[in-house]
Amino acid sequence: MATTPADTFHRQKMQSLLESGRFSDVTLVVVVVVGDGGSGDGNGDVLLDLKEEKEFKVHHALLATFSPVFEAMFSHPDTKEAQERRVLIEDVSAETMQRLLTFIYTGELKFEEKKGKVIRSLLELMAAADKVLFVCLCTGFPKLQQLIFSPFSLLPSVSGGAGEEEV
């Protein structure tokens, strides 16, 4: 399918909306625990877990459109998330959430990684999508669906120009 100037314009505007957070009405907070659970360093010192946290200013209407989990969360005014307009998502990296949000806003999946890391990134993306039931990720990309269910079948056909791969 050919990309039209209107498609390009739409994607650019939606990407700008995501990046700027303009008119956002909810904050997604991703939290990843980095550490060993406080088990110690072998010298008797207890190491504390560090939390990596990143906030994304987003639009609840888009989240609810693509996820029944978010739809339910924001449809009921008595939920904590609907009242606080803040959603905590654990065990999803900031990079993976950025990639997932970019897909929701623009319909594009891009990987600026070496081929060996693309499959891992895809699996992380699918795990994050599954966490909040973003079912559109596989249905919108038959090639992605094929890659997930048979990752080695597409490796020779993945080509990235200048270090960027698009699925």
Foldseek 3Di string as FASTA:
>chain_A
DDDDPVLVVQLVVLVCCFVVLPPFQAKEKEKEWDDDCQPDDVPPGTDDIDIDIDITRHHLVLVVVQFVQSVVQCVDCPHPCVVVRYHYHYDQDPVLVVQLSSCSRRVWHKDLAPLVCPLVSLVSNVVVCVVRVRVCPCVVDVVSVCCNVPVVVCSVVFDDDPRMTID
